[in-house]
Amino acid sequence: MADLLNPENGLPKALRADLVAIGMWTMREVGEVLSTPERSLAALIEVNTSIRDGLR
């Protein structure tokens, strides 16, 4: 995320903002899963699968 927040990053500003938002959500969700073990990993798996598939 540090690279995305760097003003010298060549990606369009809107795309960088969207990626930072996804990163922040992911970090919050991981924190919730770690603090609440019964919480499902399904949302994290779905988002990461979508990102992986989009990069192919």
N, C-alpha and C. Protein backbone atom coordinates (compact mmCIF):
# COMPACT_ATOMS: atom_id res chain seq x y z
N MET A 1 0.83 -1.18 0.00
CA MET A 1 0.00 0.00 0.00
C MET A 1 0.87 1.25 0.00
N ALA A 2 2.06 1.14 0.58
CA ALA A 2 2.95 2.30 0.61
C ALA A 2 3.28 2.74 -0.82
N ASP A 3 3.50 1.79 -1.70
CA ASP A 3 3.81 2.13 -3.09
C ASP A 3 2.61 2.79 -3.76
N LEU A 4 1.42 2.33 -3.46
CA LEU A 4 0.22 2.92 -4.05
C LEU A 4 -0.01 4.35 -3.56
N LEU A 5 0.43 4.65 -2.35
CA LEU A 5 0.26 5.99 -1.79
C LEU A 5 1.35 6.96 -2.24
N ASN A 6 2.38 6.43 -2.86
CA ASN A 6 3.48 7.27 -3.35
C ASN A 6 3.00 8.08 -4.56
N PRO A 7 3.11 9.41 -4.51
CA PRO A 7 2.65 10.24 -5.63
C PRO A 7 3.37 9.94 -6.95
N GLU A 8 4.53 9.31 -6.89
CA GLU A 8 5.28 8.98 -8.11
C GLU A 8 4.81 7.68 -8.74
N ASN A 9 3.89 6.98 -8.11
CA ASN A 9 3.34 5.75 -8.68
C ASN A 9 2.65 6.10 -9.99
N GLY A 10 2.92 5.33 -11.04
CA GLY A 10 2.40 5.63 -12.37
C GLY A 10 0.97 5.21 -12.65
N LEU A 11 0.35 4.50 -11.73
CA LEU A 11 -1.04 4.10 -11.96
C LEU A 11 -1.96 5.30 -11.83
N PRO A 12 -3.11 5.25 -12.49
CA PRO A 12 -4.07 6.34 -12.36
C PRO A 12 -4.50 6.50 -10.89
N LYS A 13 -4.71 7.73 -10.49
CA LYS A 13 -5.03 8.04 -9.10
C LYS A 13 -6.26 7.28 -8.60
N ALA A 14 -7.29 7.19 -9.40
CA ALA A 14 -8.52 6.50 -9.00
C ALA A 14 -8.26 5.01 -8.78
N LEU A 15 -7.46 4.39 -9.63
CA LEU A 15 -7.14 2.97 -9.48
C LEU A 15 -6.33 2.76 -8.21
N ARG A 16 -5.37 3.63 -7.97
CA ARG A 16 -4.57 3.53 -6.74
C ARG A 16 -5.47 3.63 -5.52
N ALA A 17 -6.40 4.56 -5.54
CA ALA A 17 -7.31 4.74 -4.40
C ALA A 17 -8.16 3.48 -4.19
N ASP A 18 -8.64 2.89 -5.27
CA ASP A 18 -9.44 1.67 -5.16
C ASP A 18 -8.60 0.53 -4.58
N LEU A 19 -7.37 0.40 -5.02
CA LEU A 19 -6.51 -0.67 -4.52
C LEU A 19 -6.16 -0.45 -3.05
N VAL A 20 -5.95 0.78 -2.65
CA VAL A 20 -5.69 1.08 -1.24
C VAL A 20 -6.92 0.71 -0.41
N ALA A 21 -8.10 1.04 -0.90
CA ALA A 21 -9.33 0.71 -0.18
C ALA A 21 -9.47 -0.80 0.00
N ILE A 22 -9.15 -1.57 -1.03
CA ILE A 22 -9.19 -3.03 -0.93
C ILE A 22 -8.17 -3.51 0.11
N GLY A 23 -6.99 -2.93 0.08
CA GLY A 23 -5.95 -3.31 1.04
C GLY A 23 -6.37 -3.00 2.47
N MET A 24 -6.98 -1.85 2.69
CA MET A 24 -7.42 -1.49 4.03
C MET A 24 -8.53 -2.43 4.51
N TRP A 25 -9.47 -2.74 3.63
CA TRP A 25 -10.54 -3.68 3.99
C TRP A 25 -9.94 -5.03 4.35
N THR A 26 -8.99 -5.50 3.55
CA THR A 26 -8.36 -6.79 3.80
C THR A 26 -7.68 -6.81 5.16
N MET A 27 -6.95 -5.76 5.48
CA MET A 27 -6.27 -5.70 6.77
C MET A 27 -7.27 -5.71 7.93
N ARG A 28 -8.36 -4.97 7.80
CA ARG A 28 -9.39 -4.96 8.84
C ARG A 28 -10.03 -6.35 8.98
N GLU A 29 -10.33 -6.95 7.84
CA GLU A 29 -10.99 -8.26 7.85
C GLU A 29 -10.07 -9.33 8.47
N VAL A 30 -8.79 -9.30 8.15
CA VAL A 30 -7.84 -10.24 8.75
C VAL A 30 -7.80 -10.04 10.26
N GLY A 31 -7.79 -8.79 10.71
CA GLY A 31 -7.81 -8.51 12.14
C GLY A 31 -9.04 -9.09 12.81
N GLU A 32 -10.19 -8.96 12.14
CA GLU A 32 -11.43 -9.51 12.69
C GLU A 32 -11.37 -11.04 12.76
N VAL A 33 -10.85 -11.67 11.73
CA VAL A 33 -10.75 -13.13 11.71
C VAL A 33 -9.80 -13.61 12.81
N LEU A 34 -8.68 -12.90 12.99
CA LEU A 34 -7.73 -13.30 14.02
C LEU A 34 -8.29 -13.13 15.43
N SER A 35 -9.10 -12.11 15.63
CA SER A 35 -9.65 -11.87 16.96
C SER A 35 -10.94 -12.65 17.22
N THR A 36 -11.55 -13.16 16.17
CA THR A 36 -12.79 -13.93 16.30
C THR A 36 -12.64 -15.21 15.47
N PRO A 37 -12.01 -16.23 16.07
CA PRO A 37 -11.68 -17.45 15.30
C PRO A 37 -12.87 -18.11 14.61
N GLU A 38 -14.07 -17.95 15.15
CA GLU A 38 -15.23 -18.59 14.49
C GLU A 38 -15.69 -17.82 13.26
N ARG A 39 -15.12 -16.65 13.03
CA ARG A 39 -15.49 -15.85 11.86
C ARG A 39 -15.01 -16.56 10.58
N SER A 40 -15.81 -16.54 9.57
CA SER A 40 -15.51 -17.21 8.31
C SER A 40 -14.43 -16.48 7.51
N LEU A 41 -13.63 -17.26 6.83
CA LEU A 41 -12.62 -16.73 5.91
C LEU A 41 -13.18 -16.54 4.50
N ALA A 42 -14.45 -16.82 4.31
CA ALA A 42 -15.04 -16.83 2.97
C ALA A 42 -14.87 -15.50 2.24
N ALA A 43 -15.09 -14.38 2.90
CA ALA A 43 -14.98 -13.08 2.23
C ALA A 43 -13.55 -12.83 1.78
N LEU A 44 -12.58 -13.13 2.63
CA LEU A 44 -11.17 -12.94 2.25
C LEU A 44 -10.79 -13.84 1.07
N ILE A 45 -11.25 -15.06 1.12
CA ILE A 45 -10.95 -16.00 0.03
C ILE A 45 -11.57 -15.51 -1.27
N GLU A 46 -12.80 -15.05 -1.21
CA GLU A 46 -13.49 -14.58 -2.42
C GLU A 46 -12.80 -13.37 -3.03
N VAL A 47 -12.44 -12.40 -2.20
CA VAL A 47 -11.78 -11.20 -2.71
C VAL A 47 -10.42 -11.55 -3.31
N ASN A 48 -9.65 -12.37 -2.61
CA ASN A 48 -8.32 -12.71 -3.11
C ASN A 48 -8.40 -13.56 -4.38
N THR A 49 -9.40 -14.42 -4.47
CA THR A 49 -9.60 -15.20 -5.68
C THR A 49 -9.96 -14.29 -6.86
N SER A 50 -10.81 -13.32 -6.62
CA SER A 50 -11.19 -12.37 -7.67
C SER A 50 -9.99 -11.55 -8.14
N ILE A 51 -9.16 -11.13 -7.20
CA ILE A 51 -7.95 -10.38 -7.58
C ILE A 51 -7.03 -11.25 -8.39
N ARG A 52 -6.79 -12.48 -7.92
CA ARG A 52 -5.93 -13.42 -8.65
C ARG A 52 -6.43 -13.63 -10.07
N ASP A 53 -7.72 -13.89 -10.18
CA ASP A 53 -8.29 -14.15 -11.51
C ASP A 53 -8.21 -12.93 -12.42
N GLY A 54 -8.33 -11.75 -11.84
CA GLY A 54 -8.25 -10.52 -12.62
C GLY A 54 -6.84 -10.24 -13.12
N LEU A 55 -5.85 -10.78 -12.44
CA LEU A 55 -4.45 -10.57 -12.83
C LEU A 55 -3.99 -11.54 -13.91
N ARG A 56 -4.79 -12.53 -14.17
CA ARG A 56 -4.39 -13.54 -15.18
C ARG A 56 -4.49 -13.00 -16.58
